[in-house]
């Protein structure tokens, strides 16, 4: 095992250990998240993580608005710049306009290197980058734009209102598809989907994320795990 592989495995073990229940405790150890793009989707997912006991720094260029949005969440919710949030979190969620990813990849290169990045950004067909991403495969393109990260494509195919509604249900949870080339990051992300009250459905490597990008059979399906697997041709073991 080379040094880079060893460091990745150690980081994954640390995050998974934090997520695993500890003896005698009902809840897992809290993680620290940096959320870039604290709008409808990023704000909803981040708030649910806070309610699950995690610490979240919400980032936006308009910090006054973010502070107003997170008022009442308590000390586990803070606001900061994108750079501060990227440095704060052991796991990062990007829920920005897709065309912002090249700039984020450049400006935050040091802060995001080696970290699990949950990519929930959807390209616009009206931009050259968006058209290229949809043609190449959004997951594959995102990995190119955020080099050095352990990218997971997740939360990109579901609406924030559906995530919030699922968090309030005990059954028939919302299925959230996810894909990554990093198996350890995929397992971490799957648990984080559960932490917001949804059900993860692992689709495969990043190339398979096109199956739930815009125009794919899993995009905005908003159904349960059994039906999503059926629509994507997955078995329970996948």
C-alpha atoms as a PDB file:
ATOM      1  CA  UNK A   1       0.000   0.000   0.000  1.00  0.00           C
ATOM      2  CA  UNK A   2       1.502   3.368  -1.033  1.00  0.00           C
ATOM      3  CA  UNK A   3       1.408   6.456   1.144  1.00  0.00           C
ATOM      4  CA  UNK A   4      -1.510   8.107  -0.681  1.00  0.00           C
ATOM      5  CA  UNK A   5      -3.633   4.960  -0.478  1.00  0.00           C
ATOM      6  CA  UNK A   6      -2.781   4.563   3.197  1.00  0.00           C
ATOM      7  CA  UNK A   7      -3.757   8.151   3.979  1.00  0.00           C
ATOM      8  CA  UNK A   8      -7.068   7.772   2.113  1.00  0.00           C
ATOM      9  CA  UNK A   9      -7.849   4.590   4.027  1.00  0.00           C
ATOM     10  CA  UNK A  10      -7.008   6.250   7.346  1.00  0.00           C
ATOM     11  CA  UNK A  11      -9.253   9.221   6.529  1.00  0.00           C
ATOM     12  CA  UNK A  12     -12.118   6.940   5.516  1.00  0.00           C
ATOM     13  CA  UNK A  13     -11.703   4.901   8.685  1.00  0.00           C
ATOM     14  CA  UNK A  14     -11.833   8.071  10.802  1.00  0.00           C
ATOM     15  CA  UNK A  15     -15.053   9.244   9.162  1.00  0.00           C
ATOM     16  CA  UNK A  16     -16.664   5.811   9.252  1.00  0.00           C
ATOM     17  CA  UNK A  17     -15.675   5.448  12.912  1.00  0.00           C
ATOM     18  CA  UNK A  18     -17.390   8.742  13.644  1.00  0.00           C
ATOM     19  CA  UNK A  19     -20.519   7.541  11.872  1.00  0.00           C
ATOM     20  CA  UNK A  20     -20.614   4.137  13.556  1.00  0.00           C
ATOM     21  CA  UNK A  21     -22.570   3.969  16.827  1.00  0.00           C
ATOM     22  CA  UNK A  22     -20.356   3.846  19.886  1.00  0.00           C
ATOM     23  CA  UNK A  23     -20.926   1.387  22.712  1.00  0.00           C
ATOM     24  CA  UNK A  24     -23.519   2.647  25.140  1.00  0.00           C
ATOM     25  CA  UNK A  25     -24.564   5.625  22.997  1.00  0.00           C
ATOM     26  CA  UNK A  26     -27.720   6.009  20.963  1.00  0.00           C
ATOM     27  CA  UNK A  27     -26.291   8.451  18.403  1.00  0.00           C
ATOM     28  CA  UNK A  28     -23.109   8.420  16.271  1.00  0.00           C
ATOM     29  CA  UNK A  29     -20.240  10.780  16.945  1.00  0.00           C
ATOM     30  CA  UNK A  30     -20.866  14.121  15.186  1.00  0.00           C
ATOM     31  CA  UNK A  31     -18.988  15.094  12.049  1.00  0.00           C
ATOM     32  CA  UNK A  32     -18.069  18.535  10.742  1.00  0.00           C
ATOM     33  CA  UNK A  33     -19.526  19.567   7.389  1.00  0.00           C
ATOM     34  CA  UNK A  34     -18.832  22.464   5.087  1.00  0.00           C
ATOM     35  CA  UNK A  35     -21.792  23.346   2.853  1.00  0.00           C
ATOM     36  CA  UNK A  36     -21.030  25.575  -0.130  1.00  0.00           C
ATOM     37  CA  UNK A  37     -24.260  26.876  -1.572  1.00  0.00           C
ATOM     38  CA  UNK A  38     -26.594  27.330   1.369  1.00  0.00           C
ATOM     39  CA  UNK A  39     -29.720  27.807  -0.705  1.00  0.00           C
ATOM     40  CA  UNK A  40     -32.763  25.574  -0.996  1.00  0.00           C
ATOM     41  CA  UNK A  41     -31.029  22.188  -1.319  1.00  0.00           C
ATOM     42  CA  UNK A  42     -27.804  22.889   0.585  1.00  0.00           C
ATOM     43  CA  UNK A  43     -29.700  24.659   3.338  1.00  0.00           C
ATOM     44  CA  UNK A  44     -32.204  21.828   3.742  1.00  0.00           C
ATOM     45  CA  UNK A  45     -29.608  19.048   3.846  1.00  0.00           C
ATOM     46  CA  UNK A  46     -27.355  21.075   6.147  1.00  0.00           C
ATOM     47  CA  UNK A  47     -30.174  21.816   8.598  1.00  0.00           C
ATOM     48  CA  UNK A  48     -31.097  18.138   8.762  1.00  0.00           C
ATOM     49  CA  UNK A  49     -27.481  17.249   9.501  1.00  0.00           C
ATOM     50  CA  UNK A  50     -27.472  19.789  12.328  1.00  0.00           C
ATOM     51  CA  UNK A  51     -30.651  18.239  13.723  1.00  0.00           C
ATOM     52  CA  UNK A  52     -28.956  14.828  13.500  1.00  0.00           C
ATOM     53  CA  UNK A  53     -26.227  16.147  15.815  1.00  0.00           C
ATOM     54  CA  UNK A  54     -23.521  17.141  13.332  1.00  0.00           C
ATOM     55  CA  UNK A  55     -21.708  20.481  13.086  1.00  0.00           C
ATOM     56  CA  UNK A  56     -22.239  22.430   9.866  1.00  0.00           C
ATOM     57  CA  UNK A  57     -20.686  25.596   8.486  1.00  0.00           C
ATOM     58  CA  UNK A  58     -22.897  27.098   5.784  1.00  0.00           C
ATOM     59  CA  UNK A  59     -21.110  29.139   3.125  1.00  0.00           C
ATOM     60  CA  UNK A  60     -22.416  31.799   0.815  1.00  0.00           C
ATOM     61  CA  UNK A  61     -21.260  35.100  -0.612  1.00  0.00           C
ATOM     62  CA  UNK A  62     -24.150  36.705   1.313  1.00  0.00           C
ATOM     63  CA  UNK A  63     -23.281  35.840   4.914  1.00  0.00           C
ATOM     64  CA  UNK A  64     -25.977  38.066   6.408  1.00  0.00           C
ATOM     65  CA  UNK A  65     -28.648  36.065   4.603  1.00  0.00           C
ATOM     66  CA  UNK A  66     -27.104  32.766   5.698  1.00  0.00           C
ATOM     67  CA  UNK A  67     -26.913  33.884   9.330  1.00  0.00           C
ATOM     68  CA  UNK A  68     -30.595  34.830   9.183  1.00  0.00           C
ATOM     69  CA  UNK A  69     -31.493  31.468   7.601  1.00  0.00           C
ATOM     70  CA  UNK A  70     -29.708  29.406  10.266  1.00  0.00           C
ATOM     71  CA  UNK A  71     -30.870  31.456  13.243  1.00  0.00           C
ATOM     72  CA  UNK A  72     -32.421  29.112  15.751  1.00  0.00           C
ATOM     73  CA  UNK A  73     -30.369  26.046  14.803  1.00  0.00           C
ATOM     74  CA  UNK A  74     -28.034  26.511  17.750  1.00  0.00           C
ATOM     75  CA  UNK A  75     -24.280  26.462  18.201  1.00  0.00           C
ATOM     76  CA  UNK A  76     -23.720  23.553  15.820  1.00  0.00           C
ATOM     77  CA  UNK A  77     -24.665  25.757  12.851  1.00  0.00           C
ATOM     78  CA  UNK A  78     -22.314  28.544  11.762  1.00  0.00           C
ATOM     79  CA  UNK A  79     -21.773  30.687   8.680  1.00  0.00           C
ATOM     80  CA  UNK A  80     -18.571  31.382   6.790  1.00  0.00           C
ATOM     81  CA  UNK A  81     -16.992  32.021   3.429  1.00  0.00           C
ATOM     82  CA  UNK A  82     -16.609  29.145   0.952  1.00  0.00           C
ATOM     83  CA  UNK A  83     -12.927  28.913   1.901  1.00  0.00           C
ATOM     84  CA  UNK A  84     -13.710  28.812   5.625  1.00  0.00           C
ATOM     85  CA  UNK A  85     -16.389  26.153   5.150  1.00  0.00           C
ATOM     86  CA  UNK A  86     -14.098  24.020   2.987  1.00  0.00           C
ATOM     87  CA  UNK A  87     -11.416  24.177   5.658  1.00  0.00           C
ATOM     88  CA  UNK A  88     -13.888  23.486   8.478  1.00  0.00           C
ATOM     89  CA  UNK A  89     -15.548  20.382   7.114  1.00  0.00           C
ATOM     90  CA  UNK A  90     -14.187  16.858   7.099  1.00  0.00           C
ATOM     91  CA  UNK A  91     -16.917  16.207   4.522  1.00  0.00           C
ATOM     92  CA  UNK A  92     -18.066  18.876   2.057  1.00  0.00           C
ATOM     93  CA  UNK A  93     -21.343  19.403   0.212  1.00  0.00           C
ATOM     94  CA  UNK A  94     -21.320  21.501  -2.959  1.00  0.00           C
ATOM     95  CA  UNK A  95     -24.800  22.705  -3.920  1.00  0.00           C
ATOM     96  CA  UNK A  96     -23.849  25.713  -6.048  1.00  0.00           C
ATOM     97  CA  UNK A  97     -24.611  26.560  -9.671  1.00  0.00           C
ATOM     98  CA  UNK A  98     -22.646  24.086 -11.784  1.00  0.00           C
ATOM     99  CA  UNK A  99     -20.746  26.830 -13.600  1.00  0.00           C
ATOM    100  CA  UNK A 100     -19.152  27.791 -10.254  1.00  0.00           C
ATOM    101  CA  UNK A 101     -17.303  24.472  -9.955  1.00  0.00           C
ATOM    102  CA  UNK A 102     -14.222  25.426 -12.020  1.00  0.00           C
ATOM    103  CA  UNK A 103     -13.657  28.474  -9.799  1.00  0.00           C
ATOM    104  CA  UNK A 104     -14.250  26.474  -6.616  1.00  0.00           C
ATOM    105  CA  UNK A 105     -11.850  23.798  -7.787  1.00  0.00           C
ATOM    106  CA  UNK A 106      -9.134  26.425  -8.321  1.00  0.00           C
ATOM    107  CA  UNK A 107      -9.758  28.682  -5.324  1.00  0.00           C
ATOM    108  CA  UNK A 108     -10.318  25.903  -2.775  1.00  0.00           C
ATOM    109  CA  UNK A 109      -7.746  23.427  -4.093  1.00  0.00           C
ATOM    110  CA  UNK A 110      -5.775  23.271  -0.846  1.00  0.00           C
ATOM    111  CA  UNK A 111      -8.841  23.018   1.409  1.00  0.00           C
ATOM    112  CA  UNK A 112     -10.661  20.310  -0.558  1.00  0.00           C
ATOM    113  CA  UNK A 113      -7.737  18.068  -1.471  1.00  0.00           C
ATOM    114  CA  UNK A 114      -8.240  14.533  -0.178  1.00  0.00           C
ATOM    115  CA  UNK A 115     -11.694  15.241   1.261  1.00  0.00           C
ATOM    116  CA  UNK A 116     -15.012  13.604   0.477  1.00  0.00           C
ATOM    117  CA  UNK A 117     -16.991  16.062  -1.630  1.00  0.00           C
ATOM    118  CA  UNK A 118     -20.706  15.452  -2.124  1.00  0.00           C
ATOM    119  CA  UNK A 119     -21.612  16.964  -5.492  1.00  0.00           C
ATOM    120  CA  UNK A 120     -25.247  18.038  -5.768  1.00  0.00           C
ATOM    121  CA  UNK A 121     -24.732  20.573  -8.572  1.00  0.00           C
ATOM    122  CA  UNK A 122     -26.756  20.306 -11.777  1.00  0.00           C
ATOM    123  CA  UNK A 123     -25.516  21.807 -15.045  1.00  0.00           C
ATOM    124  CA  UNK A 124     -27.575  24.215 -17.077  1.00  0.00           C
ATOM    125  CA  UNK A 125     -28.217  23.336 -20.695  1.00  0.00           C
ATOM    126  CA  UNK A 126     -27.819  27.041 -21.434  1.00  0.00           C
ATOM    127  CA  UNK A 127     -24.074  27.088 -20.744  1.00  0.00           C
ATOM    128  CA  UNK A 128     -21.185  25.560 -22.684  1.00  0.00           C
ATOM    129  CA  UNK A 129     -19.929  23.818 -19.546  1.00  0.00           C
ATOM    130  CA  UNK A 130     -23.394  22.461 -18.842  1.00  0.00           C
ATOM    131  CA  UNK A 131     -23.743  20.997 -22.311  1.00  0.00           C
ATOM    132  CA  UNK A 132     -20.282  19.432 -22.097  1.00  0.00           C
ATOM    133  CA  UNK A 133     -21.045  17.964 -18.661  1.00  0.00           C
ATOM    134  CA  UNK A 134     -24.308  16.394 -19.795  1.00  0.00           C
ATOM    135  CA  UNK A 135     -22.590  14.923 -22.854  1.00  0.00           C
ATOM    136  CA  UNK A 136     -19.549  13.616 -20.950  1.00  0.00           C
ATOM    137  CA  UNK A 137     -21.490  12.544 -17.877  1.00  0.00           C
ATOM    138  CA  UNK A 138     -21.970  14.984 -15.022  1.00  0.00           C
ATOM    139  CA  UNK A 139     -20.224  12.839 -12.418  1.00  0.00           C
ATOM    140  CA  UNK A 140     -17.153  12.339 -14.591  1.00  0.00           C
ATOM    141  CA  UNK A 141     -17.006  16.044 -15.444  1.00  0.00           C
ATOM    142  CA  UNK A 142     -17.359  17.100 -11.809  1.00  0.00           C
ATOM    143  CA  UNK A 143     -14.395  14.912 -10.865  1.00  0.00           C
ATOM    144  CA  UNK A 144     -12.320  16.701 -13.501  1.00  0.00           C
ATOM    145  CA  UNK A 145     -13.371  20.112 -12.188  1.00  0.00           C
ATOM    146  CA  UNK A 146     -12.612  19.161  -8.553  1.00  0.00           C
ATOM    147  CA  UNK A 147      -9.339  17.227  -8.882  1.00  0.00           C
ATOM    148  CA  UNK A 148      -7.836  15.618  -5.817  1.00  0.00           C
ATOM    149  CA  UNK A 149     -11.208  15.174  -4.113  1.00  0.00           C
ATOM    150  CA  UNK A 150     -13.042  11.966  -3.279  1.00  0.00           C
ATOM    151  CA  UNK A 151     -16.133  12.891  -5.237  1.00  0.00           C
ATOM    152  CA  UNK A 152     -19.587  11.398  -4.684  1.00  0.00           C
ATOM    153  CA  UNK A 153     -22.468  12.394  -6.916  1.00  0.00           C
ATOM    154  CA  UNK A 154     -25.465  12.615  -4.552  1.00  0.00           C
ATOM    155  CA  UNK A 155     -28.512  14.777  -3.689  1.00  0.00           C
ATOM    156  CA  UNK A 156     -28.447  16.050  -7.287  1.00  0.00           C
ATOM    157  CA  UNK A 157     -31.546  14.239  -8.511  1.00  0.00           C
ATOM    158  CA  UNK A 158     -34.034  15.008  -5.728  1.00  0.00           C
ATOM    159  CA  UNK A 159     -35.849  18.159  -4.613  1.00  0.00           C
ATOM    160  CA  UNK A 160     -35.224  19.705  -1.204  1.00  0.00           C
ATOM    161  CA  UNK A 161     -38.936  19.563  -0.374  1.00  0.00           C
ATOM    162  CA  UNK A 162     -38.916  15.805  -0.942  1.00  0.00           C
ATOM    163  CA  UNK A 163     -35.861  15.360   1.304  1.00  0.00           C
ATOM    164  CA  UNK A 164     -37.526  17.376   4.050  1.00  0.00           C
ATOM    165  CA  UNK A 165     -40.775  15.420   3.735  1.00  0.00           C
ATOM    166  CA  UNK A 166     -38.920  12.094   3.943  1.00  0.00           C
ATOM    167  CA  UNK A 167     -37.190  13.213   7.143  1.00  0.00           C
ATOM    168  CA  UNK A 168     -40.600  13.427   8.789  1.00  0.00           C
ATOM    169  CA  UNK A 169     -41.683   9.905   7.796  1.00  0.00           C
ATOM    170  CA  UNK A 170     -40.897   6.606   9.502  1.00  0.00           C
ATOM    171  CA  UNK A 171     -41.641   4.501   6.399  1.00  0.00           C
ATOM    172  CA  UNK A 172     -41.547   4.852   2.602  1.00  0.00           C
ATOM    173  CA  UNK A 173     -38.381   6.925   2.732  1.00  0.00           C
ATOM    174  CA  UNK A 174     -37.215   8.912  -0.286  1.00  0.00           C
ATOM    175  CA  UNK A 175     -34.651   7.009  -2.365  1.00  0.00           C
ATOM    176  CA  UNK A 176     -31.522   9.035  -3.144  1.00  0.00           C
ATOM    177  CA  UNK A 177     -29.214   7.613  -5.841  1.00  0.00           C
ATOM    178  CA  UNK A 178     -25.458   8.072  -5.481  1.00  0.00           C
ATOM    179  CA  UNK A 179     -22.321   7.151  -7.404  1.00  0.00           C
ATOM    180  CA  UNK A 180     -18.568   7.357  -6.830  1.00  0.00           C
ATOM    181  CA  UNK A 181     -15.280   5.819  -7.922  1.00  0.00           C
ATOM    182  CA  UNK A 182     -14.210   5.710  -4.251  1.00  0.00           C
ATOM    183  CA  UNK A 183     -15.873   2.838  -2.391  1.00  0.00           C
ATOM    184  CA  UNK A 184     -15.052   4.156   1.077  1.00  0.00           C
ATOM    185  CA  UNK A 185     -16.415   7.615   0.215  1.00  0.00           C
ATOM    186  CA  UNK A 186     -19.521   5.939  -1.185  1.00  0.00           C
ATOM    187  CA  UNK A 187     -20.169   4.136   2.107  1.00  0.00           C
ATOM    188  CA  UNK A 188     -19.722   7.366   4.071  1.00  0.00           C
ATOM    189  CA  UNK A 189     -22.089   9.229   1.744  1.00  0.00           C
ATOM    190  CA  UNK A 190     -24.697   6.478   2.021  1.00  0.00           C
ATOM    191  CA  UNK A 191     -24.770   6.898   5.802  1.00  0.00           C
ATOM    192  CA  UNK A 192     -25.054  10.663   5.431  1.00  0.00           C
ATOM    193  CA  UNK A 193     -28.118  10.159   3.219  1.00  0.00           C
ATOM    194  CA  UNK A 194     -29.627   8.094   6.036  1.00  0.00           C
ATOM    195  CA  UNK A 195     -28.772  10.868   8.497  1.00  0.00           C
ATOM    196  CA  UNK A 196     -31.145  13.238   6.670  1.00  0.00           C
ATOM    197  CA  UNK A 197     -33.938  10.658   6.731  1.00  0.00           C
ATOM    198  CA  UNK A 198     -33.674   9.285   3.189  1.00  0.00           C
ATOM    199  CA  UNK A 199     -32.658   5.889   1.776  1.00  0.00           C
ATOM    200  CA  UNK A 200     -29.440   5.613  -0.253  1.00  0.00           C
ATOM    201  CA  UNK A 201     -29.390   3.625  -3.489  1.00  0.00           C
ATOM    202  CA  UNK A 202     -25.844   2.998  -4.704  1.00  0.00           C
ATOM    203  CA  UNK A 203     -25.803   3.037  -8.498  1.00  0.00           C
ATOM    204  CA  UNK A 204     -22.097   2.430  -9.147  1.00  0.00           C
ATOM    205  CA  UNK A 205     -19.022   4.383 -10.278  1.00  0.00           C
ATOM    206  CA  UNK A 206     -19.170   8.014 -11.402  1.00  0.00           C
ATOM    207  CA  UNK A 207     -19.741   7.042 -15.022  1.00  0.00           C
ATOM    208  CA  UNK A 208     -23.063   5.520 -13.926  1.00  0.00           C
ATOM    209  CA  UNK A 209     -24.209   8.837 -12.444  1.00  0.00           C
ATOM    210  CA  UNK A 210     -25.541   9.750 -15.892  1.00  0.00           C
ATOM    211  CA  UNK A 211     -28.408   7.380 -15.078  1.00  0.00           C
ATOM    212  CA  UNK A 212     -29.720   9.915 -12.570  1.00  0.00           C
ATOM    213  CA  UNK A 213     -28.610  13.159 -14.210  1.00  0.00           C
ATOM    214  CA  UNK A 214     -31.122  15.332 -16.049  1.00  0.00           C
ATOM    215  CA  UNK A 215     -32.785  13.245 -18.760  1.00  0.00           C
ATOM    216  CA  UNK A 216     -31.887   9.945 -17.060  1.00  0.00           C
ATOM    217  CA  UNK A 217     -34.441   7.505 -15.629  1.00  0.00           C
ATOM    218  CA  UNK A 218     -33.521   8.335 -12.030  1.00  0.00           C
ATOM    219  CA  UNK A 219     -33.743  12.126 -12.245  1.00  0.00           C
ATOM    220  CA  UNK A 220     -36.525  13.684 -10.126  1.00  0.00           C
ATOM    221  CA  UNK A 221     -38.196  10.302  -9.776  1.00  0.00           C
ATOM    222  CA  UNK A 222     -38.999  10.901  -6.076  1.00  0.00           C
ATOM    223  CA  UNK A 223     -39.929   7.395  -5.089  1.00  0.00           C
ATOM    224  CA  UNK A 224     -38.856   4.685  -2.661  1.00  0.00           C
ATOM    225  CA  UNK A 225     -35.758   2.497  -2.923  1.00  0.00           C
ATOM    226  CA  UNK A 226     -37.559  -0.532  -4.331  1.00  0.00           C
ATOM    227  CA  UNK A 227     -39.071   1.426  -7.201  1.00  0.00           C
ATOM    228  CA  UNK A 228     -35.882   3.362  -7.926  1.00  0.00           C
ATOM    229  CA  UNK A 229     -33.881   0.138  -8.158  1.00  0.00           C
ATOM    230  CA  UNK A 230     -36.510  -1.288 -10.496  1.00  0.00           C
ATOM    231  CA  UNK A 231     -36.413   1.767 -12.754  1.00  0.00           C
ATOM    232  CA  UNK A 232     -32.612   1.684 -12.867  1.00  0.00           C
ATOM    233  CA  UNK A 233     -32.394  -2.082 -13.349  1.00  0.00           C
ATOM    234  CA  UNK A 234     -30.565  -2.643 -10.042  1.00  0.00           C
ATOM    235  CA  UNK A 235     -30.848  -5.604  -7.705  1.00  0.00           C
ATOM    236  CA  UNK A 236     -30.876  -5.414  -3.910  1.00  0.00           C
ATOM    237  CA  UNK A 237     -27.209  -6.463  -3.923  1.00  0.00           C
ATOM    238  CA  UNK A 238     -26.098  -3.586  -6.211  1.00  0.00           C
END
